[in-house]
C-alpha cells in the first residue's frame, strides 16, 4: 500500500504548466511543522515536494497561493531523468486530491497580520500541539471548534 496524507502550507505560489499535449501540471512544495522541538527548543519543518495534474492543477492555480493551508492525499512516487550527463532521482507525492483548508481571504488576512506584527500565526497545529502537551483535553474538545460538514469528510 502506498498512501500519503499531508497537511501543510504552500511555500510559494504554485505555477501552472501545460504539457505539449495540453495537460495541466503543477509542482508545489508544502511545509509541514514537526510535532516536536530540536535540542535548541526550536520547531522544525519538513518540505515535501508534490505534483498534481489535470483539474486539480487548474484549481490550485486559481484558488491557492503562498502560505495557503492545504491537505494532500496521494502516493509517493519516484522518477529519474538525465541532466548534464548525470542521472537525477526525484521522490515526490503524486496528489490524487488536494483540499483547500482555508479560504483565500482567510489566508491573505493571516499573511497580512503576520507581516504587520512579525509574529507567526496561530494555526490549528500549534493549538493542537499545545492541547496535546497539556494532555487535559479529549479529541472532542480539541476538534469542537472546527466547522466541518459531513459532506467534507472523505468517508
Protein backbone atom coordinates (compact mmCIF):
# COMPACT_ATOMS: atom_id res chain seq x y z
CA UNK A 1 0.00 0.00 0.00
CA UNK A 2 1.36 3.42 -0.95
CA UNK A 3 -0.64 6.26 0.62
CA UNK A 4 0.45 9.71 1.77
CA UNK A 5 -1.79 12.14 3.61
CA UNK A 6 -0.24 15.54 4.35
CA UNK A 7 -1.40 18.86 5.77
CA UNK A 8 0.79 21.92 5.44
CA UNK A 9 1.28 25.33 3.91
CA UNK A 10 2.43 26.15 0.38
CA UNK A 11 5.96 27.55 0.37
CA UNK A 12 5.37 29.68 -2.74
CA UNK A 13 2.70 30.44 -5.31
CA UNK A 14 2.20 27.34 -7.47
CA UNK A 15 2.91 27.81 -11.16
CA UNK A 16 0.65 26.05 -13.64
CA UNK A 17 2.33 24.48 -16.68
CA UNK A 18 0.92 22.72 -19.72
CA UNK A 19 2.39 19.65 -21.36
CA UNK A 20 2.76 19.57 -25.17
CA UNK A 21 -0.46 17.53 -25.26
CA UNK A 22 -2.30 20.24 -23.28
CA UNK A 23 -2.50 18.53 -19.87
CA UNK A 24 -2.23 20.80 -16.83
CA UNK A 25 0.50 20.05 -14.28
CA UNK A 26 1.58 21.89 -11.17
CA UNK A 27 4.59 21.26 -8.93
CA UNK A 28 4.47 22.62 -5.41
CA UNK A 29 6.13 22.24 -2.04
CA UNK A 30 4.35 22.18 1.29
CA UNK A 31 5.94 22.92 4.65
CA UNK A 32 4.81 20.64 7.45
CA UNK A 33 5.66 21.53 11.05
CA UNK A 34 7.12 18.73 13.12
CA UNK A 35 5.31 17.93 16.37
CA UNK A 36 8.47 18.15 18.47
CA UNK A 37 11.29 20.64 19.01
CA UNK A 38 15.01 20.20 18.36
CA UNK A 39 17.77 20.39 21.00
CA UNK A 40 17.64 24.22 20.88
CA UNK A 41 13.88 24.20 21.57
CA UNK A 42 13.01 25.29 18.03
CA UNK A 43 10.28 23.73 15.94
CA UNK A 44 11.49 22.47 12.57
CA UNK A 45 9.54 21.77 9.39
CA UNK A 46 9.75 19.25 6.59
CA UNK A 47 9.41 20.45 2.99
CA UNK A 48 7.61 17.92 0.81
CA UNK A 49 7.64 18.17 -3.00
CA UNK A 50 4.33 17.34 -4.65
CA UNK A 51 2.83 17.25 -8.14
CA UNK A 52 -0.80 17.46 -9.29
CA UNK A 53 -2.32 17.01 -12.73
CA UNK A 54 -5.49 17.94 -14.61
CA UNK A 55 -8.38 19.69 -12.88
CA UNK A 56 -6.61 19.52 -9.52
CA UNK A 57 -3.71 21.52 -11.00
CA UNK A 58 -6.10 24.04 -12.59
CA UNK A 59 -7.96 24.56 -9.31
CA UNK A 60 -4.75 25.02 -7.34
CA UNK A 61 -3.52 27.68 -9.77
CA UNK A 62 -6.82 29.54 -9.44
CA UNK A 63 -7.51 29.31 -5.72
CA UNK A 64 -4.36 28.93 -3.59
CA UNK A 65 -1.11 30.79 -3.13
CA UNK A 66 1.93 31.03 -0.91
CA UNK A 67 1.02 30.28 2.70
CA UNK A 68 -2.29 28.57 1.90
CA UNK A 69 -3.15 25.67 4.21
CA UNK A 70 -3.88 22.58 2.12
CA UNK A 71 -4.41 18.87 2.60
CA UNK A 72 -2.90 16.45 0.10
CA UNK A 73 -4.00 12.86 -0.40
CA UNK A 74 -1.83 10.88 -2.76
CA UNK A 75 1.01 8.44 -3.17
CA UNK A 76 4.77 8.64 -3.04
CA UNK A 77 6.44 8.10 -6.39
CA UNK A 78 9.97 8.14 -7.68
CA UNK A 79 11.29 9.04 -11.08
CA UNK A 80 14.61 9.81 -12.67
CA UNK A 81 15.94 11.77 -15.61
CA UNK A 82 19.25 12.57 -17.26
CA UNK A 83 20.74 16.05 -16.66
CA UNK A 84 24.23 17.13 -17.73
CA UNK A 85 25.31 13.54 -18.14
CA UNK A 86 24.15 12.52 -14.65
CA UNK A 87 21.10 10.57 -13.55
CA UNK A 88 18.91 12.65 -11.21
CA UNK A 89 16.45 10.87 -8.91
CA UNK A 90 13.30 12.59 -7.63
CA UNK A 91 10.90 11.48 -4.90
CA UNK A 92 7.61 13.35 -4.66
CA UNK A 93 3.99 12.95 -3.65
CA UNK A 94 1.64 12.46 -6.59
CA UNK A 95 -1.50 14.26 -5.37
CA UNK A 96 -4.69 12.37 -6.16
CA UNK A 97 -6.68 15.12 -4.43
CA UNK A 98 -5.93 18.44 -2.78
CA UNK A 99 -8.25 20.01 -0.21
CA UNK A 100 -8.18 23.75 0.43
CA UNK A 101 -8.38 24.02 4.21
CA UNK A 102 -8.98 27.75 4.44
CA UNK A 103 -10.46 30.38 2.19
CA UNK A 104 -8.18 32.58 0.10
CA UNK A 105 -9.42 35.63 2.05
CA UNK A 106 -8.55 33.99 5.38
CA UNK A 107 -5.07 33.15 4.15
CA UNK A 108 -4.50 36.69 2.83
CA UNK A 109 -5.69 38.17 6.14
CA UNK A 110 -3.37 35.84 8.09
CA UNK A 111 -0.41 36.70 5.87
CA UNK A 112 -1.13 40.44 6.22
CA UNK A 113 -1.41 40.14 10.02
CA UNK A 114 1.89 38.24 10.14
CA UNK A 115 3.64 40.94 8.12
CA UNK A 116 2.28 43.71 10.36
CA UNK A 117 3.05 42.02 13.69
CA UNK A 118 6.05 39.96 12.59
CA UNK A 119 4.56 37.14 14.64
CA UNK A 120 3.74 33.62 13.46
CA UNK A 121 0.04 32.99 13.02
CA UNK A 122 -1.86 30.78 15.44
CA UNK A 123 -2.70 27.75 13.41
CA UNK A 124 -4.59 24.60 14.14
CA UNK A 125 -1.43 22.52 14.60
CA UNK A 126 0.12 24.86 17.16
CA UNK A 127 -3.13 24.76 19.16
CA UNK A 128 -3.42 21.01 18.76
CA UNK A 129 0.19 20.52 19.89
CA UNK A 130 -0.37 22.79 22.92
CA UNK A 131 -3.52 20.87 23.81
CA UNK A 132 -1.69 17.57 23.43
CA UNK A 133 1.13 18.83 25.64
CA UNK A 134 -1.37 19.82 28.33
CA UNK A 135 -2.92 16.34 27.98
CA UNK A 136 -6.11 17.63 29.63
CA UNK A 137 -8.32 17.78 26.54
CA UNK A 138 -10.06 14.99 24.74
CA UNK A 139 -10.07 14.80 20.94
CA UNK A 140 -13.68 16.04 21.01
CA UNK A 141 -12.59 19.15 22.96
CA UNK A 142 -9.77 19.85 20.52
CA UNK A 143 -11.88 19.38 17.40
CA UNK A 144 -15.05 21.04 18.68
CA UNK A 145 -14.01 24.43 17.28
CA UNK A 146 -13.69 23.13 13.74
CA UNK A 147 -16.55 23.75 11.34
CA UNK A 148 -16.55 20.63 9.17
CA UNK A 149 -19.69 19.40 7.46
CA UNK A 150 -20.35 15.72 6.75
CA UNK A 151 -20.01 16.47 3.02
CA UNK A 152 -16.34 17.35 3.52
CA UNK A 153 -15.40 14.05 5.18
CA UNK A 154 -13.71 11.52 2.89
CA UNK A 155 -15.59 8.55 4.37
